[in-house]
């Protein structure tokens, strides 16, 4: 069986998890080029507002609109480590209907983001 045939015959959940793992393994270059929020890892191209805002009202090239507005972070002040941010993001994603396993996978790169280094 060719690898493409095997890929298409695997269950959808496994394919989704595999794609997430591959994405996370290759995310280092994406993270460094600011294609994802440097606080939560959300893809900047998916941010409906194009990013958060700086104090002067300009669009932030580093942080998404869910994390940053008017030059300040929107997360509670108790979120002061990457581990706390991971738990906060998982909780927020679950509240919006995202499966806990997928939420966990999506937050694995947070410690490598600029805000948390």
N, C-alpha and C. Protein backbone atom coordinates (compact mmCIF):
# COMPACT_ATOMS: atom_id res chain seq x y z
N UNK A 1 0.85 -1.18 0.00
CA UNK A 1 0.00 0.00 0.00
C UNK A 1 0.89 1.24 0.00
N UNK A 2 0.66 2.14 -0.93
CA UNK A 2 1.42 3.39 -1.00
C UNK A 2 1.09 4.26 0.20
N UNK A 3 2.03 5.15 0.56
CA UNK A 3 1.81 5.98 1.75
C UNK A 3 0.58 6.86 1.63
N UNK A 4 0.28 7.37 0.42
CA UNK A 4 -0.91 8.20 0.27
C UNK A 4 -2.19 7.38 0.44
N UNK A 5 -2.16 6.10 0.00
CA UNK A 5 -3.32 5.24 0.18
C UNK A 5 -3.53 4.95 1.67
N UNK A 6 -2.41 4.71 2.38
CA UNK A 6 -2.51 4.44 3.81
C UNK A 6 -3.05 5.67 4.55
N UNK A 7 -2.60 6.85 4.16
CA UNK A 7 -3.04 8.09 4.80
C UNK A 7 -4.55 8.25 4.65
N UNK A 8 -5.06 8.01 3.46
CA UNK A 8 -6.49 8.21 3.21
C UNK A 8 -7.36 7.10 3.80
N UNK A 9 -6.78 5.97 4.16
CA UNK A 9 -7.57 4.91 4.76
C UNK A 9 -7.56 4.95 6.29
N UNK A 10 -6.77 5.85 6.88
CA UNK A 10 -6.73 5.96 8.34
C UNK A 10 -7.91 6.76 8.84
N UNK A 11 -8.31 6.50 10.07
CA UNK A 11 -9.44 7.24 10.65
C UNK A 11 -9.16 8.75 10.67
N UNK A 12 -10.21 9.50 10.54
CA UNK A 12 -10.11 10.96 10.48
C UNK A 12 -9.42 11.55 11.72
N UNK A 13 -9.74 11.04 12.91
CA UNK A 13 -9.13 11.56 14.13
C UNK A 13 -7.62 11.39 14.10
N UNK A 14 -7.13 10.21 13.67
CA UNK A 14 -5.69 9.99 13.59
C UNK A 14 -5.05 10.95 12.60
N UNK A 15 -5.68 11.15 11.44
CA UNK A 15 -5.12 12.07 10.44
C UNK A 15 -5.05 13.48 10.99
N UNK A 16 -6.09 13.91 11.72
CA UNK A 16 -6.08 15.24 12.29
C UNK A 16 -4.94 15.39 13.30
N UNK A 17 -4.80 14.40 14.19
CA UNK A 17 -3.73 14.46 15.19
C UNK A 17 -2.37 14.45 14.50
N UNK A 18 -2.19 13.60 13.48
CA UNK A 18 -0.92 13.55 12.75
C UNK A 18 -0.61 14.92 12.12
N UNK A 19 -1.61 15.54 11.51
CA UNK A 19 -1.39 16.86 10.90
C UNK A 19 -1.01 17.88 11.95
N UNK A 20 -1.61 17.82 13.14
CA UNK A 20 -1.28 18.74 14.22
C UNK A 20 0.16 18.53 14.69
N UNK A 21 0.57 17.27 14.82
CA UNK A 21 1.93 16.96 15.25
C UNK A 21 2.93 17.49 14.24
N UNK A 22 2.69 17.24 12.97
CA UNK A 22 3.59 17.74 11.92
C UNK A 22 3.63 19.26 11.96
N UNK A 23 2.48 19.91 12.13
CA UNK A 23 2.44 21.37 12.21
C UNK A 23 3.28 21.87 13.38
N UNK A 24 3.11 21.24 14.55
CA UNK A 24 3.85 21.68 15.74
C UNK A 24 5.35 21.47 15.57
N UNK A 25 5.74 20.39 14.90
CA UNK A 25 7.17 20.14 14.70
C UNK A 25 7.79 21.15 13.75
N UNK A 26 7.01 21.68 12.83
CA UNK A 26 7.54 22.64 11.87
C UNK A 26 7.24 24.07 12.27
N UNK A 27 6.60 24.27 13.40
CA UNK A 27 6.12 25.59 13.80
C UNK A 27 7.24 26.55 14.20
N UNK A 28 8.45 26.05 14.47
CA UNK A 28 9.54 26.92 14.93
C UNK A 28 9.78 28.06 13.96
N UNK A 29 9.90 27.76 12.67
CA UNK A 29 10.14 28.84 11.71
C UNK A 29 8.92 29.74 11.58
N UNK A 30 7.74 29.17 11.70
CA UNK A 30 6.52 29.97 11.64
C UNK A 30 6.48 30.92 12.83
N UNK A 31 6.83 30.42 14.02
CA UNK A 31 6.80 31.25 15.22
C UNK A 31 7.78 32.41 15.10
N UNK A 32 8.95 32.16 14.55
CA UNK A 32 9.96 33.21 14.47
C UNK A 32 9.62 34.26 13.43
N UNK A 33 8.79 33.94 12.47
CA UNK A 33 8.46 34.91 11.43
C UNK A 33 7.17 35.67 11.75
N UNK A 34 6.67 35.53 12.97
CA UNK A 34 5.47 36.22 13.45
C UNK A 34 4.23 35.89 12.63
N UNK A 35 4.14 34.67 12.14
CA UNK A 35 2.92 34.24 11.49
C UNK A 35 1.90 33.76 12.52
N UNK A 36 2.35 33.60 13.76
CA UNK A 36 1.46 33.24 14.86
C UNK A 36 1.64 34.25 15.97
N UNK A 37 0.61 34.42 16.79
CA UNK A 37 0.68 35.31 17.93
C UNK A 37 1.82 34.86 18.84
N UNK A 38 2.65 35.78 19.25
CA UNK A 38 3.80 35.46 20.09
C UNK A 38 3.43 35.32 21.56
N UNK A 39 2.14 35.30 21.86
CA UNK A 39 1.67 35.07 23.22
C UNK A 39 0.93 33.74 23.32
N UNK A 40 0.01 33.48 22.37
CA UNK A 40 -0.82 32.27 22.45
C UNK A 40 -0.60 31.27 21.32
N UNK A 41 0.03 31.69 20.22
CA UNK A 41 0.26 30.79 19.10
C UNK A 41 -0.84 30.78 18.06
N UNK A 42 -1.86 31.61 18.21
CA UNK A 42 -2.97 31.66 17.25
C UNK A 42 -2.44 32.19 15.91
N UNK A 43 -2.83 31.56 14.80
CA UNK A 43 -2.36 32.03 13.49
C UNK A 43 -2.84 33.46 13.21
N UNK A 44 -1.90 34.36 12.94
CA UNK A 44 -2.25 35.77 12.73
C UNK A 44 -3.16 35.94 11.51
N UNK A 45 -3.02 35.10 10.50
CA UNK A 45 -3.86 35.26 9.32
C UNK A 45 -5.32 34.91 9.60
N UNK A 46 -5.58 34.21 10.71
CA UNK A 46 -6.96 33.88 11.08
C UNK A 46 -7.58 34.93 12.00
N UNK A 47 -6.78 35.86 12.48
CA UNK A 47 -7.29 36.90 13.37
C UNK A 47 -8.16 37.85 12.56
N UNK A 48 -9.43 37.91 12.88
CA UNK A 48 -10.38 38.72 12.11
C UNK A 48 -10.06 40.21 12.15
N UNK A 49 -9.35 40.65 13.20
CA UNK A 49 -8.98 42.06 13.31
C UNK A 49 -7.57 42.33 12.80
N UNK A 50 -6.89 41.29 12.33
CA UNK A 50 -5.55 41.46 11.76
C UNK A 50 -4.45 41.55 12.79
N UNK A 51 -4.78 41.44 14.07
CA UNK A 51 -3.80 41.52 15.16
C UNK A 51 -4.31 42.43 16.24
N UNK A 52 -3.60 42.43 17.36
CA UNK A 52 -3.94 43.33 18.45
C UNK A 52 -3.54 44.75 18.08
N UNK A 53 -3.68 45.68 19.02
CA UNK A 53 -3.33 47.07 18.73
C UNK A 53 -2.28 47.58 19.70
N UNK A 54 -1.42 48.44 19.18
CA UNK A 54 -0.41 49.11 20.00
C UNK A 54 -1.05 50.34 20.66
N UNK A 55 -0.31 51.01 21.54
CA UNK A 55 -0.84 52.20 22.23
C UNK A 55 -1.26 53.29 21.26
N UNK A 56 -0.53 53.40 20.14
CA UNK A 56 -0.84 54.44 19.16
C UNK A 56 -1.97 54.05 18.20
N UNK A 57 -2.56 52.86 18.41
CA UNK A 57 -3.67 52.40 17.58
C UNK A 57 -3.26 51.57 16.38
N UNK A 58 -1.97 51.47 16.11
CA UNK A 58 -1.50 50.66 14.99
C UNK A 58 -1.67 49.17 15.31
N UNK A 59 -1.72 48.36 14.27
CA UNK A 59 -1.90 46.92 14.42
C UNK A 59 -0.57 46.29 14.85
N UNK A 60 -0.64 45.43 15.86
CA UNK A 60 0.54 44.71 16.33
C UNK A 60 0.89 43.62 15.33
N UNK A 61 2.14 43.48 15.02
CA UNK A 61 2.60 42.42 14.13
C UNK A 61 2.99 41.17 14.93
N UNK A 62 3.01 41.28 16.26
CA UNK A 62 3.42 40.16 17.10
C UNK A 62 2.27 39.46 17.81
N UNK A 63 1.23 40.20 18.17
CA UNK A 63 0.20 39.65 19.05
C UNK A 63 -1.19 39.76 18.43
N UNK A 64 -2.02 38.75 18.68
CA UNK A 64 -3.38 38.71 18.14
C UNK A 64 -4.32 39.60 18.97
N UNK A 65 -5.49 39.83 18.43
CA UNK A 65 -6.47 40.69 19.09
C UNK A 65 -7.08 40.05 20.33
N UNK A 66 -6.93 38.74 20.48
CA UNK A 66 -7.44 38.09 21.69
C UNK A 66 -6.47 38.26 22.86
N UNK A 67 -5.22 38.57 22.56
CA UNK A 67 -4.19 38.68 23.61
C UNK A 67 -3.77 40.11 23.91
N UNK A 68 -3.96 41.03 22.96
CA UNK A 68 -3.28 42.33 23.07
C UNK A 68 -4.16 43.45 22.53
N UNK A 69 -4.30 44.53 23.30
CA UNK A 69 -5.05 45.71 22.85
C UNK A 69 -4.49 46.94 23.54
N UNK A 70 -4.38 48.02 22.78
CA UNK A 70 -3.89 49.30 23.32
C UNK A 70 -2.54 49.17 24.02
N UNK A 71 -1.69 48.30 23.49
CA UNK A 71 -0.34 48.14 24.04
C UNK A 71 -0.25 47.32 25.30
N UNK A 72 -1.32 46.63 25.68
CA UNK A 72 -1.33 45.82 26.91
C UNK A 72 -1.90 44.43 26.64
N UNK A 73 -1.43 43.47 27.42
CA UNK A 73 -1.97 42.12 27.31
C UNK A 73 -3.33 42.05 27.98
N UNK A 74 -4.23 41.28 27.38
CA UNK A 74 -5.60 41.15 27.86
C UNK A 74 -5.79 40.00 28.84
N UNK A 75 -4.81 39.11 28.93
CA UNK A 75 -4.93 37.98 29.84
C UNK A 75 -4.86 38.48 31.28
N UNK A 76 -5.49 37.75 32.20
CA UNK A 76 -5.43 38.15 33.61
C UNK A 76 -3.98 38.25 34.08
N UNK A 77 -3.71 39.13 35.04
CA UNK A 77 -2.35 39.33 35.52
C UNK A 77 -1.76 38.09 36.17
N UNK A 78 -2.61 37.15 36.55
CA UNK A 78 -2.11 35.90 37.14
C UNK A 78 -1.48 34.98 36.10
N UNK A 79 -1.72 35.26 34.82
CA UNK A 79 -1.12 34.46 33.75
C UNK A 79 0.27 35.03 33.48
N UNK A 80 1.26 34.53 34.23
CA UNK A 80 2.60 35.10 34.14
C UNK A 80 3.68 34.09 33.76
N UNK A 81 3.26 32.88 33.38
CA UNK A 81 4.21 31.87 32.89
C UNK A 81 3.60 31.17 31.68
N UNK A 82 4.46 30.53 30.91
CA UNK A 82 3.98 29.79 29.73
C UNK A 82 3.03 28.67 30.13
N UNK A 83 3.32 28.00 31.23
CA UNK A 83 2.47 26.90 31.68
C UNK A 83 1.07 27.40 32.05
N UNK A 84 1.00 28.54 32.72
CA UNK A 84 -0.31 29.12 33.05
C UNK A 84 -1.05 29.55 31.79
N UNK A 85 -0.31 30.08 30.81
CA UNK A 85 -0.93 30.48 29.55
C UNK A 85 -1.48 29.26 28.81
N UNK A 86 -0.74 28.16 28.84
CA UNK A 86 -1.22 26.94 28.21
C UNK A 86 -2.56 26.50 28.83
N UNK A 87 -2.62 26.49 30.14
CA UNK A 87 -3.84 26.07 30.82
C UNK A 87 -4.99 27.04 30.53
N UNK A 88 -4.68 28.33 30.52
CA UNK A 88 -5.69 29.35 30.22
C UNK A 88 -6.24 29.15 28.80
N UNK A 89 -5.35 28.94 27.83
CA UNK A 89 -5.78 28.76 26.44
C UNK A 89 -6.59 27.48 26.27
N UNK A 90 -6.15 26.41 26.92
CA UNK A 90 -6.91 25.15 26.85
C UNK A 90 -8.32 25.37 27.37
N UNK A 91 -8.43 26.04 28.50
CA UNK A 91 -9.73 26.31 29.10
C UNK A 91 -10.61 27.15 28.16
N UNK A 92 -10.03 28.18 27.57
CA UNK A 92 -10.79 29.04 26.65
C UNK A 92 -11.23 28.28 25.40
N UNK A 93 -10.35 27.43 24.86
CA UNK A 93 -10.70 26.65 23.67
C UNK A 93 -11.81 25.65 23.99
N UNK A 94 -11.73 25.00 25.14
CA UNK A 94 -12.78 24.06 25.54
C UNK A 94 -14.12 24.77 25.67
N UNK A 95 -14.11 25.99 26.24
CA UNK A 95 -15.35 26.76 26.37
C UNK A 95 -15.95 27.09 25.01
N UNK A 96 -15.10 27.22 24.00
CA UNK A 96 -15.62 27.54 22.66
C UNK A 96 -15.94 26.28 21.85
N UNK A 97 -15.86 25.10 22.51
CA UNK A 97 -16.29 23.87 21.86
C UNK A 97 -15.19 23.03 21.26
N UNK A 98 -13.94 23.40 21.44
CA UNK A 98 -12.83 22.63 20.89
C UNK A 98 -12.53 21.46 21.82
N UNK A 99 -12.29 20.31 21.24
CA UNK A 99 -11.97 19.10 21.98
C UNK A 99 -10.72 19.32 22.83
N UNK A 100 -10.70 18.82 24.05
CA UNK A 100 -9.60 19.00 24.98
C UNK A 100 -8.26 18.50 24.46
N UNK A 101 -8.26 17.38 23.75
CA UNK A 101 -7.02 16.83 23.19
C UNK A 101 -6.46 17.79 22.15
N UNK A 102 -7.32 18.29 21.28
CA UNK A 102 -6.86 19.23 20.25
C UNK A 102 -6.38 20.53 20.88
N UNK A 103 -7.07 20.97 21.93
CA UNK A 103 -6.66 22.19 22.63
C UNK A 103 -5.28 21.99 23.25
N UNK A 104 -5.06 20.84 23.85
CA UNK A 104 -3.76 20.53 24.44
C UNK A 104 -2.67 20.55 23.37
N UNK A 105 -2.94 19.89 22.25
CA UNK A 105 -1.96 19.86 21.15
C UNK A 105 -1.63 21.27 20.66
N UNK A 106 -2.64 22.10 20.53
CA UNK A 106 -2.46 23.45 19.99
C UNK A 106 -1.63 24.34 20.90
N UNK A 107 -1.52 23.99 22.17
CA UNK A 107 -0.79 24.85 23.11
C UNK A 107 0.63 24.38 23.40
N UNK A 108 1.07 23.32 22.78
CA UNK A 108 2.38 22.76 23.10
C UNK A 108 3.54 23.70 22.76
N UNK A 109 3.36 24.59 21.80
CA UNK A 109 4.46 25.47 21.38
C UNK A 109 4.53 26.77 22.18
N UNK A 110 3.57 27.03 23.05
CA UNK A 110 3.54 28.31 23.78
C UNK A 110 4.85 28.63 24.50
N UNK A 111 5.50 27.67 25.16
CA UNK A 111 6.76 28.02 25.85
C UNK A 111 7.86 28.54 24.92
N UNK A 112 7.77 28.27 23.63
CA UNK A 112 8.79 28.72 22.68
C UNK A 112 8.46 30.08 22.05
N UNK A 113 7.30 30.64 22.38
CA UNK A 113 6.92 31.93 21.81
C UNK A 113 7.68 33.07 22.50
N UNK A 114 7.85 34.17 21.78
CA UNK A 114 8.66 35.29 22.24
C UNK A 114 8.26 35.80 23.63
N UNK A 115 6.98 35.93 23.88
CA UNK A 115 6.53 36.47 25.16
C UNK A 115 7.00 35.62 26.35
N UNK A 116 7.17 34.32 26.15
CA UNK A 116 7.45 33.41 27.26
C UNK A 116 8.89 32.97 27.34
N UNK A 117 9.74 33.42 26.43
CA UNK A 117 11.17 33.03 26.50
C UNK A 117 11.92 33.86 27.48
